[in-house]
Amino acid sequence: MRTTHRDYAEVSGDFHRLCRFTVANAAALRTHSTWSLGRVVDWKYGLFEEKTAYPSFCDRNAHLWFDAFDELAGYAISENGDAGFAIITAAGYRFLFEEMLRWALDAWGGRSPRSSIEITARQEYEAEILERHGFVRRSTFGMWRFDLNQDLAPRIPLAAGFSIVDMAAHPDYRAQRLMRADGFGGKETLSEEELRHQLAFYNHMHQGPIYHAETDLCVMAPDGDLVAGCEALIDARNAEADVERVCTRAAFRRRGFARAAIVECLHRLQDMGMRAAYIAGYSREAMSLYGSLGATTKQEAYVYERGDG
């Protein structure tokens, strides 16, 4: 079967091409990849700091395969510009996986001593190919699906003085950045210079085509500080969403704030008419939390690695 492939080209409209492909193949990708529309949009608009050092980041970190009718059959993509990558194919083009893997290893494998890739438990075919090429399963994580057509866990009351706010009604992105710096990076404070630098890049994601401030939620303390939060990345065409960026300031953990934010987010998605929501957990704590929220199904996924890094 005839196929061609080439580097991603921003000037050719390839970002929209990737998004349309991901939306059209959403059902297959949920079982045969760990990617979704939200992750593709984050790849372009989430200018996390390790990406800012790469000029033309997108052009250097995706490669597209086309069928004989010039339709996108799949793509290889590096999320952070390193030797970690994903291989995404349409359902009928999984046979391209090994060719795409060889290409990714040749093009990106030299970026660091260790290459890595995520696959789901449903990808036995791809797992066999990875193992044949020297990859070893290193870790397991979970992906939970919430059926928003069913009753959800009730909203969780917060301690006196605490409330849930969204970035539409309360657009305090400065306070949110401080919360995420602590929750994700363990930095209790940021200098004004650090804060300005981070806001200049991280908040670029708010310009993305699927950002929805009403489902960008935070728990606000009585003093106005934001102490926990989450955000839904929405694929409206498929009436589904991914709940991401779940974090809590270190001093406020184990008090149910992240749980309350996630449950509120699920209810808002349900009220919007979404049919399903997904959340992935990598750490033991995250998997314990997400598994206790009433998900209807859980899918295992794996990180495979090759090399000595």
C-alpha atoms as a PDB file:
ATOM      1  CA  MET A   1       0.000   0.000   0.000  1.00  0.00           C
ATOM      2  CA  ARG A   2       1.507   3.289  -1.099  1.00  0.00           C
ATOM      3  CA  THR A   3       2.252   5.902   1.561  1.00  0.00           C
ATOM      4  CA  THR A   4       4.446   8.977   1.784  1.00  0.00           C
ATOM      5  CA  HIS A   5       5.773  10.931   4.734  1.00  0.00           C
ATOM      6  CA  ARG A   6       7.263  14.325   5.444  1.00  0.00           C
ATOM      7  CA  ASP A   7       8.130  16.705   8.269  1.00  0.00           C
ATOM      8  CA  TYR A   8       5.404  18.778   9.876  1.00  0.00           C
ATOM      9  CA  ALA A   9       5.178  22.248   8.313  1.00  0.00           C
ATOM     10  CA  GLU A  10       3.419  25.030  10.169  1.00  0.00           C
ATOM     11  CA  VAL A  11       3.034  27.063   6.960  1.00  0.00           C
ATOM     12  CA  SER A  12       1.144  24.173   5.329  1.00  0.00           C
ATOM     13  CA  GLY A  13      -1.598  24.204   7.947  1.00  0.00           C
ATOM     14  CA  ASP A  14      -0.429  20.998   9.545  1.00  0.00           C
ATOM     15  CA  PHE A  15      -1.596  21.898  13.043  1.00  0.00           C
ATOM     16  CA  HIS A  16      -5.201  22.026  11.859  1.00  0.00           C
ATOM     17  CA  ARG A  17      -4.554  18.827   9.899  1.00  0.00           C
ATOM     18  CA  LEU A  18      -3.392  17.049  13.077  1.00  0.00           C
ATOM     19  CA  CYS A  19      -6.388  18.347  15.004  1.00  0.00           C
ATOM     20  CA  ARG A  20      -8.911  17.267  12.366  1.00  0.00           C
ATOM     21  CA  PHE A  21      -7.328  13.811  12.194  1.00  0.00           C
ATOM     22  CA  THR A  22      -7.360  13.449  15.981  1.00  0.00           C
ATOM     23  CA  VAL A  23     -11.014  14.495  16.214  1.00  0.00           C
ATOM     24  CA  ALA A  24     -12.033  12.164  13.359  1.00  0.00           C
ATOM     25  CA  ASN A  25     -10.207   9.203  14.912  1.00  0.00           C
ATOM     26  CA  ALA A  26     -10.996   9.936  18.560  1.00  0.00           C
ATOM     27  CA  ALA A  27     -12.629   6.583  19.323  1.00  0.00           C
ATOM     28  CA  ALA A  28      -9.704   4.565  17.944  1.00  0.00           C
ATOM     29  CA  LEU A  29      -7.152   6.780  19.649  1.00  0.00           C
ATOM     30  CA  ARG A  30      -8.788   6.312  23.054  1.00  0.00           C
ATOM     31  CA  THR A  31      -8.017   2.581  22.908  1.00  0.00           C
ATOM     32  CA  HIS A  32      -4.858   2.559  20.773  1.00  0.00           C
ATOM     33  CA  SER A  33      -2.974   5.604  22.017  1.00  0.00           C
ATOM     34  CA  THR A  34      -2.683   7.866  25.046  1.00  0.00           C
ATOM     35  CA  TRP A  35      -3.266  10.984  22.939  1.00  0.00           C
ATOM     36  CA  SER A  36      -6.314  13.159  22.400  1.00  0.00           C
ATOM     37  CA  LEU A  37      -7.187  16.548  20.950  1.00  0.00           C
ATOM     38  CA  GLY A  38      -6.250  18.295  24.192  1.00  0.00           C
ATOM     39  CA  ARG A  39      -2.772  16.791  24.144  1.00  0.00           C
ATOM     40  CA  VAL A  40      -2.210  17.815  20.521  1.00  0.00           C
ATOM     41  CA  VAL A  41      -3.302  21.386  21.282  1.00  0.00           C
ATOM     42  CA  ASP A  42      -1.034  21.456  24.349  1.00  0.00           C
ATOM     43  CA  TRP A  43       1.858  20.289  22.163  1.00  0.00           C
ATOM     44  CA  LYS A  44       1.562  23.518  20.175  1.00  0.00           C
ATOM     45  CA  TYR A  45       0.209  26.018  22.694  1.00  0.00           C
ATOM     46  CA  GLY A  46       1.603  24.741  26.001  1.00  0.00           C
ATOM     47  CA  LEU A  47       4.943  26.537  25.872  1.00  0.00           C
ATOM     48  CA  PHE A  48       6.416  24.842  28.908  1.00  0.00           C
ATOM     49  CA  GLU A  49       9.946  25.962  29.569  1.00  0.00           C
ATOM     50  CA  GLU A  50      11.814  22.988  28.124  1.00  0.00           C
ATOM     51  CA  LYS A  51      10.198  23.824  24.762  1.00  0.00           C
ATOM     52  CA  THR A  52      11.141  27.499  24.572  1.00  0.00           C
ATOM     53  CA  ALA A  53      14.776  26.646  23.773  1.00  0.00           C
ATOM     54  CA  TYR A  54      13.743  25.085  20.459  1.00  0.00           C
ATOM     55  CA  PRO A  55      13.237  27.474  17.521  1.00  0.00           C
ATOM     56  CA  SER A  56      10.360  26.303  15.307  1.00  0.00           C
ATOM     57  CA  PHE A  57       9.502  23.681  17.913  1.00  0.00           C
ATOM     58  CA  CYS A  58       6.523  22.229  16.061  1.00  0.00           C
ATOM     59  CA  ASP A  59       8.300  21.928  12.717  1.00  0.00           C
ATOM     60  CA  ARG A  60      11.080  19.942  14.395  1.00  0.00           C
ATOM     61  CA  ASN A  61       8.916  17.644  16.477  1.00  0.00           C
ATOM     62  CA  ALA A  62       6.268  16.045  14.292  1.00  0.00           C
ATOM     63  CA  HIS A  63       6.394  13.922  11.157  1.00  0.00           C
ATOM     64  CA  LEU A  64       3.338  13.049   9.061  1.00  0.00           C
ATOM     65  CA  TRP A  65       2.423   9.944   7.023  1.00  0.00           C
ATOM     66  CA  PHE A  66      -0.095  10.164   4.152  1.00  0.00           C
ATOM     67  CA  ASP A  67      -1.949   7.530   2.183  1.00  0.00           C
ATOM     68  CA  ALA A  68      -2.199   7.393  -1.599  1.00  0.00           C
ATOM     69  CA  PHE A  69      -5.165   9.787  -1.498  1.00  0.00           C
ATOM     70  CA  ASP A  70      -3.134  12.419   0.356  1.00  0.00           C
ATOM     71  CA  GLU A  71      -5.126  11.836   3.550  1.00  0.00           C
ATOM     72  CA  LEU A  72      -3.296  11.769   6.870  1.00  0.00           C
ATOM     73  CA  ALA A  73      -2.744   8.164   7.970  1.00  0.00           C
ATOM     74  CA  GLY A  74      -0.776   8.867  11.134  1.00  0.00           C
ATOM     75  CA  TYR A  75       1.957  10.890  12.722  1.00  0.00           C
ATOM     76  CA  ALA A  76       4.952  10.672  15.037  1.00  0.00           C
ATOM     77  CA  ILE A  77       5.181  13.471  17.575  1.00  0.00           C
ATOM     78  CA  SER A  78       7.640  14.472  20.296  1.00  0.00           C
ATOM     79  CA  GLU A  79       5.875  16.225  23.150  1.00  0.00           C
ATOM     80  CA  ASN A  80       8.883  17.922  24.733  1.00  0.00           C
ATOM     81  CA  GLY A  81      11.472  17.986  21.969  1.00  0.00           C
ATOM     82  CA  ASP A  82      13.461  15.094  23.442  1.00  0.00           C
ATOM     83  CA  ALA A  83      13.712  11.371  22.648  1.00  0.00           C
ATOM     84  CA  GLY A  84      10.264  10.694  24.081  1.00  0.00           C
ATOM     85  CA  PHE A  85       7.680  10.376  21.327  1.00  0.00           C
ATOM     86  CA  ALA A  86       4.259   9.032  20.407  1.00  0.00           C
ATOM     87  CA  ILE A  87       3.152   7.208  17.275  1.00  0.00           C
ATOM     88  CA  ILE A  88      -0.463   7.801  16.288  1.00  0.00           C
ATOM     89  CA  THR A  89      -2.199   5.971  13.434  1.00  0.00           C
ATOM     90  CA  ALA A  90      -5.683   5.670  12.036  1.00  0.00           C
ATOM     91  CA  ALA A  91      -7.237   2.294  12.833  1.00  0.00           C
ATOM     92  CA  GLY A  92      -6.481   0.808   9.409  1.00  0.00           C
ATOM     93  CA  TYR A  93      -2.884   1.987   9.362  1.00  0.00           C
ATOM     94  CA  ARG A  94      -1.482   0.332  12.470  1.00  0.00           C
ATOM     95  CA  PHE A  95       0.748  -1.689  10.127  1.00  0.00           C
ATOM     96  CA  LEU A  96       2.782   1.529   9.698  1.00  0.00           C
ATOM     97  CA  PHE A  97       3.838   1.473  13.355  1.00  0.00           C
ATOM     98  CA  GLU A  98       7.168  -0.271  12.822  1.00  0.00           C
ATOM     99  CA  GLU A  99       8.148   1.994   9.927  1.00  0.00           C
ATOM    100  CA  MET A 100       7.228   5.037  11.993  1.00  0.00           C
ATOM    101  CA  LEU A 101       9.141   3.700  14.998  1.00  0.00           C
ATOM    102  CA  ARG A 102      12.295   3.219  12.935  1.00  0.00           C
ATOM    103  CA  TRP A 103      11.954   6.755  11.610  1.00  0.00           C
ATOM    104  CA  ALA A 104      11.498   8.230  15.100  1.00  0.00           C
ATOM    105  CA  LEU A 105      14.492   6.357  16.483  1.00  0.00           C
ATOM    106  CA  ASP A 106      16.688   7.512  13.591  1.00  0.00           C
ATOM    107  CA  ALA A 107      15.501  11.131  13.724  1.00  0.00           C
ATOM    108  CA  TRP A 108      14.999  11.691  17.459  1.00  0.00           C
ATOM    109  CA  GLY A 109      16.672   8.800  19.279  1.00  0.00           C
ATOM    110  CA  GLY A 110      20.000  10.622  19.503  1.00  0.00           C
ATOM    111  CA  ARG A 111      18.520  13.497  21.489  1.00  0.00           C
ATOM    112  CA  SER A 112      19.099  11.674  24.779  1.00  0.00           C
ATOM    113  CA  PRO A 113      20.469   8.301  25.913  1.00  0.00           C
ATOM    114  CA  ARG A 114      16.977   6.930  26.510  1.00  0.00           C
ATOM    115  CA  SER A 115      14.001   6.810  24.150  1.00  0.00           C
ATOM    116  CA  SER A 116      10.469   6.397  25.499  1.00  0.00           C
ATOM    117  CA  ILE A 117       6.951   5.872  24.230  1.00  0.00           C
ATOM    118  CA  GLU A 118       3.516   5.322  25.790  1.00  0.00           C
ATOM    119  CA  ILE A 119       1.036   2.686  24.616  1.00  0.00           C
ATOM    120  CA  THR A 120      -2.210   1.299  26.007  1.00  0.00           C
ATOM    121  CA  ALA A 121      -2.920  -2.244  27.158  1.00  0.00           C
ATOM    122  CA  ARG A 122      -4.936  -2.730  23.949  1.00  0.00           C
ATOM    123  CA  GLN A 123      -1.834  -2.288  21.777  1.00  0.00           C
ATOM    124  CA  GLU A 124      -0.447  -5.837  21.905  1.00  0.00           C
ATOM    125  CA  TYR A 125       0.685  -5.563  18.274  1.00  0.00           C
ATOM    126  CA  GLU A 126       2.684  -2.414  18.991  1.00  0.00           C
ATOM    127  CA  ALA A 127       4.106  -3.857  22.226  1.00  0.00           C
ATOM    128  CA  GLU A 128       5.566  -6.820  20.330  1.00  0.00           C
ATOM    129  CA  ILE A 129       7.258  -4.471  17.865  1.00  0.00           C
ATOM    130  CA  LEU A 130       8.663  -2.311  20.639  1.00  0.00           C
ATOM    131  CA  GLU A 131      10.119  -5.302  22.449  1.00  0.00           C
ATOM    132  CA  ARG A 132      11.659  -6.539  19.223  1.00  0.00           C
ATOM    133  CA  HIS A 133      13.413  -3.177  18.918  1.00  0.00           C
ATOM    134  CA  GLY A 134      14.856  -3.364  22.417  1.00  0.00           C
ATOM    135  CA  PHE A 135      12.191  -1.485  24.373  1.00  0.00           C
ATOM    136  CA  VAL A 136      11.277  -2.628  27.879  1.00  0.00           C
ATOM    137  CA  ARG A 137       8.117  -1.848  29.831  1.00  0.00           C
ATOM    138  CA  ARG A 138       9.198   0.434  32.686  1.00  0.00           C
ATOM    139  CA  SER A 139       6.003   1.592  34.336  1.00  0.00           C
ATOM    140  CA  THR A 140       2.231   1.305  34.332  1.00  0.00           C
ATOM    141  CA  PHE A 141      -0.317   4.079  34.685  1.00  0.00           C
ATOM    142  CA  GLY A 142      -4.075   4.401  34.528  1.00  0.00           C
ATOM    143  CA  MET A 143      -6.566   6.176  32.291  1.00  0.00           C
ATOM    144  CA  TRP A 144     -10.053   6.580  33.730  1.00  0.00           C
ATOM    145  CA  ARG A 145     -13.260   7.276  31.794  1.00  0.00           C
ATOM    146  CA  PHE A 146     -16.280   8.983  33.359  1.00  0.00           C
ATOM    147  CA  ASP A 147     -19.640   8.450  31.683  1.00  0.00           C
ATOM    148  CA  LEU A 148     -21.267  11.856  31.930  1.00  0.00           C
ATOM    149  CA  ASN A 149     -24.620  10.419  30.874  1.00  0.00           C
ATOM    150  CA  GLN A 150     -24.811   8.781  34.294  1.00  0.00           C
ATOM    151  CA  ASP A 151     -25.147  10.245  37.761  1.00  0.00           C
ATOM    152  CA  LEU A 152     -21.886  11.654  39.096  1.00  0.00           C
ATOM    153  CA  ALA A 153     -20.487  11.737  42.592  1.00  0.00           C
ATOM    154  CA  PRO A 154     -22.106  14.679  44.406  1.00  0.00           C
ATOM    155  CA  ARG A 155     -20.290  17.974  44.595  1.00  0.00           C
ATOM    156  CA  ILE A 156     -18.018  18.149  47.642  1.00  0.00           C
ATOM    157  CA  PRO A 157     -18.583  20.842  50.297  1.00  0.00           C
ATOM    158  CA  LEU A 158     -15.474  22.834  51.134  1.00  0.00           C
ATOM    159  CA  ALA A 159     -14.257  24.079  54.492  1.00  0.00           C
ATOM    160  CA  ALA A 160     -15.578  27.461  55.615  1.00  0.00           C
ATOM    161  CA  GLY A 161     -14.090  30.313  53.609  1.00  0.00           C
ATOM    162  CA  PHE A 162     -12.909  28.154  50.689  1.00  0.00           C
ATOM    163  CA  SER A 163     -14.668  28.273  47.331  1.00  0.00           C
ATOM    164  CA  ILE A 164     -14.278  27.047  43.755  1.00  0.00           C
ATOM    165  CA  VAL A 165     -13.699  29.736  41.139  1.00  0.00           C
ATOM    166  CA  ASP A 166     -13.185  29.571  37.394  1.00  0.00           C
ATOM    167  CA  MET A 167     -10.940  31.674  35.208  1.00  0.00           C
ATOM    168  CA  ALA A 168     -13.892  33.236  33.411  1.00  0.00           C
ATOM    169  CA  ALA A 169     -15.341  34.889  36.508  1.00  0.00           C
ATOM    170  CA  HIS A 170     -12.068  35.146  38.421  1.00  0.00           C
ATOM    171  CA  PRO A 171      -9.207  35.453  35.881  1.00  0.00           C
ATOM    172  CA  ASP A 172      -6.334  35.609  38.367  1.00  0.00           C
ATOM    173  CA  TYR A 173      -3.730  33.843  36.235  1.00  0.00           C
ATOM    174  CA  ARG A 174      -0.938  35.257  38.358  1.00  0.00           C
ATOM    175  CA  ALA A 175      -2.257  33.448  41.447  1.00  0.00           C
ATOM    176  CA  GLN A 176      -2.863  30.326  39.364  1.00  0.00           C
ATOM    177  CA  ARG A 177       0.748  30.322  38.148  1.00  0.00           C
ATOM    178  CA  LEU A 178       1.982  30.583  41.729  1.00  0.00           C
ATOM    179  CA  MET A 179      -0.248  27.649  42.683  1.00  0.00           C
ATOM    180  CA  ARG A 180       1.009  25.502  39.808  1.00  0.00           C
ATOM    181  CA  ALA A 181       4.654  26.397  40.466  1.00  0.00           C
ATOM    182  CA  ASP A 182       4.210  25.072  43.992  1.00  0.00           C
ATOM    183  CA  GLY A 183       1.944  22.150  43.095  1.00  0.00           C
ATOM    184  CA  PHE A 184       3.983  20.869  40.158  1.00  0.00           C
ATOM    185  CA  GLY A 185       7.457  22.227  40.836  1.00  0.00           C
ATOM    186  CA  GLY A 186       7.647  22.474  44.596  1.00  0.00           C
ATOM    187  CA  LYS A 187       8.439  26.199  44.497  1.00  0.00           C
ATOM    188  CA  GLU A 188       6.529  27.928  47.284  1.00  0.00           C
ATOM    189  CA  THR A 189       7.404  31.379  45.956  1.00  0.00           C
ATOM    190  CA  LEU A 190       8.558  32.923  42.699  1.00  0.00           C
ATOM    191  CA  SER A 191      10.468  36.146  42.243  1.00  0.00           C
ATOM    192  CA  GLU A 192       8.783  38.839  40.186  1.00  0.00           C
ATOM    193  CA  GLU A 193      11.234  38.135  37.374  1.00  0.00           C
ATOM    194  CA  GLU A 194      10.478  34.394  37.449  1.00  0.00           C
ATOM    195  CA  LEU A 195       6.771  35.062  37.552  1.00  0.00           C
ATOM    196  CA  ARG A 196       6.849  37.444  34.575  1.00  0.00           C
ATOM    197  CA  HIS A 197       8.924  34.949  32.598  1.00  0.00           C
ATOM    198  CA  GLN A 198       6.603  32.049  33.347  1.00  0.00           C
ATOM    199  CA  LEU A 199       3.416  33.991  32.660  1.00  0.00           C
ATOM    200  CA  ALA A 200       4.817  35.044  29.274  1.00  0.00           C
ATOM    201  CA  PHE A 201       5.089  31.415  28.192  1.00  0.00           C
ATOM    202  CA  TYR A 202       2.680  29.255  30.178  1.00  0.00           C
ATOM    203  CA  ASN A 203      -0.319  31.465  29.559  1.00  0.00           C
ATOM    204  CA  HIS A 204       0.150  31.159  25.799  1.00  0.00           C
ATOM    205  CA  MET A 205      -2.028  28.055  26.091  1.00  0.00           C
ATOM    206  CA  HIS A 206      -5.012  30.319  26.768  1.00  0.00           C
ATOM    207  CA  GLN A 207      -4.795  31.382  23.122  1.00  0.00           C
ATOM    208  CA  GLY A 208      -5.391  27.808  22.004  1.00  0.00           C
ATOM    209  CA  PRO A 209      -8.516  26.851  20.056  1.00  0.00           C
ATOM    210  CA  ILE A 210     -10.049  24.692  22.798  1.00  0.00           C
ATOM    211  CA  TYR A 211      -9.270  26.715  25.936  1.00  0.00           C
ATOM    212  CA  HIS A 212     -12.438  27.107  28.002  1.00  0.00           C
ATOM    213  CA  ALA A 213     -12.088  29.402  31.011  1.00  0.00           C
ATOM    214  CA  GLU A 214     -15.299  28.124  32.614  1.00  0.00           C
ATOM    215  CA  THR A 215     -13.701  24.694  33.129  1.00  0.00           C
ATOM    216  CA  ASP A 216     -10.326  26.064  34.248  1.00  0.00           C
ATOM    217  CA  LEU A 217     -11.040  25.728  37.972  1.00  0.00           C
ATOM    218  CA  CYS A 218      -9.265  26.597  41.195  1.00  0.00           C
ATOM    219  CA  VAL A 219     -10.016  26.333  44.894  1.00  0.00           C
ATOM    220  CA  MET A 220      -9.627  29.764  46.487  1.00  0.00           C
ATOM    221  CA  ALA A 221      -8.633  30.138  50.139  1.00  0.00           C
ATOM    222  CA  PRO A 222     -10.160  32.787  52.443  1.00  0.00           C
ATOM    223  CA  ASP A 223      -7.161  35.086  51.823  1.00  0.00           C
ATOM    224  CA  GLY A 224      -7.641  34.923  48.029  1.00  0.00           C
ATOM    225  CA  ASP A 225      -4.756  32.569  47.318  1.00  0.00           C
ATOM    226  CA  LEU A 226      -5.445  29.689  44.919  1.00  0.00           C
ATOM    227  CA  VAL A 227      -4.520  26.388  46.529  1.00  0.00           C
ATOM    228  CA  ALA A 228      -5.679  23.612  44.149  1.00  0.00           C
ATOM    229  CA  GLY A 229      -7.140  23.232  40.698  1.00  0.00           C
ATOM    230  CA  CYS A 230      -7.701  21.371  37.459  1.00  0.00           C
ATOM    231  CA  GLU A 231      -8.571  22.188  33.859  1.00  0.00           C
ATOM    232  CA  ALA A 232     -10.700  20.453  31.225  1.00  0.00           C
ATOM    233  CA  LEU A 233      -9.416  20.301  27.648  1.00  0.00           C
ATOM    234  CA  ILE A 234     -12.513  19.852  25.512  1.00  0.00           C
ATOM    235  CA  ASP A 235     -13.100  18.031  22.238  1.00  0.00           C
ATOM    236  CA  ALA A 236     -16.547  19.476  21.541  1.00  0.00           C
ATOM    237  CA  ARG A 237     -17.055  17.577  18.259  1.00  0.00           C
ATOM    238  CA  ASN A 238     -16.849  14.303  20.150  1.00  0.00           C
ATOM    239  CA  ALA A 239     -18.535  15.699  23.286  1.00  0.00           C
ATOM    240  CA  GLU A 240     -15.651  14.592  25.488  1.00  0.00           C
ATOM    241  CA  ALA A 241     -12.928  16.166  27.566  1.00  0.00           C
ATOM    242  CA  ASP A 242      -9.645  15.427  29.328  1.00  0.00           C
ATOM    243  CA  VAL A 243      -9.192  16.692  32.877  1.00  0.00           C
ATOM    244  CA  GLU A 244      -5.608  17.880  33.198  1.00  0.00           C
ATOM    245  CA  ARG A 245      -3.290  20.043  35.313  1.00  0.00           C
ATOM    246  CA  VAL A 246      -4.561  18.658  38.599  1.00  0.00           C
ATOM    247  CA  CYS A 247      -2.416  20.068  41.383  1.00  0.00           C
ATOM    248  CA  THR A 248      -2.468  21.265  44.998  1.00  0.00           C
ATOM    249  CA  ARG A 249      -0.115  23.522  46.919  1.00  0.00           C
ATOM    250  CA  ALA A 250       2.041  21.436  49.254  1.00  0.00           C
ATOM    251  CA  ALA A 251       0.676  23.072  52.401  1.00  0.00           C
ATOM    252  CA  PHE A 252      -2.929  22.235  51.440  1.00  0.00           C
ATOM    253  CA  ARG A 253      -2.638  18.585  50.421  1.00  0.00           C
ATOM    254  CA  ARG A 254      -4.739  15.744  51.841  1.00  0.00           C
ATOM    255  CA  ARG A 255      -7.647  18.066  52.544  1.00  0.00           C
ATOM    256  CA  GLY A 256      -9.813  17.060  49.584  1.00  0.00           C
ATOM    257  CA  PHE A 257      -9.330  20.238  47.543  1.00  0.00           C
ATOM    258  CA  ALA A 258      -8.170  18.577  44.297  1.00  0.00           C
ATOM    259  CA  ARG A 259     -10.971  16.029  44.621  1.00  0.00           C
ATOM    260  CA  ALA A 260     -13.526  18.853  44.998  1.00  0.00           C
ATOM    261  CA  ALA A 261     -12.157  20.671  41.937  1.00  0.00           C
ATOM    262  CA  ILE A 262     -12.278  17.533  39.768  1.00  0.00           C
ATOM    263  CA  VAL A 263     -15.834  16.650  40.807  1.00  0.00           C
ATOM    264  CA  GLU A 264     -16.958  20.222  40.109  1.00  0.00           C
ATOM    265  CA  CYS A 265     -15.264  20.056  36.711  1.00  0.00           C
ATOM    266  CA  LEU A 266     -17.083  16.811  35.863  1.00  0.00           C
ATOM    267  CA  HIS A 267     -20.427  18.353  36.798  1.00  0.00           C
ATOM    268  CA  ARG A 268     -19.744  21.405  34.636  1.00  0.00           C
ATOM    269  CA  LEU A 269     -18.812  19.198  31.695  1.00  0.00           C
ATOM    270  CA  GLN A 270     -22.010  17.239  32.186  1.00  0.00           C
ATOM    271  CA  ASP A 271     -24.028  20.469  32.296  1.00  0.00           C
ATOM    272  CA  MET A 272     -22.396  21.516  29.002  1.00  0.00           C
ATOM    273  CA  GLY A 273     -23.614  18.340  27.304  1.00  0.00           C
ATOM    274  CA  MET A 274     -20.321  16.443  27.239  1.00  0.00           C
ATOM    275  CA  ARG A 275     -20.771  12.669  27.176  1.00  0.00           C
ATOM    276  CA  ALA A 276     -17.457  11.501  28.602  1.00  0.00           C
ATOM    277  CA  ALA A 277     -14.434  12.768  30.497  1.00  0.00           C
ATOM    278  CA  TYR A 278     -11.014  11.174  30.857  1.00  0.00           C
ATOM    279  CA  ILE A 279      -8.216  11.588  33.349  1.00  0.00           C
ATOM    280  CA  ALA A 280      -4.769   9.942  33.404  1.00  0.00           C
ATOM    281  CA  GLY A 281      -2.788   9.256  36.558  1.00  0.00           C
ATOM    282  CA  TYR A 282       0.907   8.414  36.649  1.00  0.00           C
ATOM    283  CA  SER A 283       1.795   8.588  40.353  1.00  0.00           C
ATOM    284  CA  ARG A 284       0.489   6.260  43.045  1.00  0.00           C
ATOM    285  CA  GLU A 285      -1.278   9.161  44.754  1.00  0.00           C
ATOM    286  CA  ALA A 286      -2.939  10.331  41.538  1.00  0.00           C
ATOM    287  CA  MET A 287      -4.087   6.830  40.639  1.00  0.00           C
ATOM    288  CA  SER A 288      -5.581   6.365  44.102  1.00  0.00           C
ATOM    289  CA  LEU A 289      -7.445   9.673  43.881  1.00  0.00           C
ATOM    290  CA  TYR A 290      -8.780   9.249  40.359  1.00  0.00           C
ATOM    291  CA  GLY A 291      -9.816   5.669  40.966  1.00  0.00           C
ATOM    292  CA  SER A 292     -12.029   6.775  43.858  1.00  0.00           C
ATOM    293  CA  LEU A 293     -14.103   9.324  41.936  1.00  0.00           C
ATOM    294  CA  GLY A 294     -16.652   6.999  40.343  1.00  0.00           C
ATOM    295  CA  ALA A 295     -15.143   6.351  36.912  1.00  0.00           C
ATOM    296  CA  THR A 296     -17.049   3.824  34.817  1.00  0.00           C
ATOM    297  CA  THR A 297     -13.974   2.209  33.232  1.00  0.00           C
ATOM    298  CA  LYS A 298     -10.220   2.158  33.660  1.00  0.00           C
ATOM    299  CA  GLN A 299      -7.648   1.332  31.001  1.00  0.00           C
ATOM    300  CA  GLU A 300      -4.059   0.468  31.802  1.00  0.00           C
ATOM    301  CA  ALA A 301      -1.268   2.088  29.827  1.00  0.00           C
ATOM    302  CA  TYR A 302       2.473   1.594  29.834  1.00  0.00           C
ATOM    303  CA  VAL A 303       5.688   3.529  29.405  1.00  0.00           C
ATOM    304  CA  TYR A 304       8.236   1.647  27.314  1.00  0.00           C
ATOM    305  CA  GLU A 305      11.883   2.741  27.253  1.00  0.00           C
ATOM    306  CA  ARG A 306      15.048   1.853  25.393  1.00  0.00           C
ATOM    307  CA  GLY A 307      18.547   2.919  26.401  1.00  0.00           C
ATOM    308  CA  ASP A 308      20.597   3.669  29.504  1.00  0.00           C
ATOM    309  CA  GLY A 309      19.660   7.259  30.376  1.00  0.00           C
END
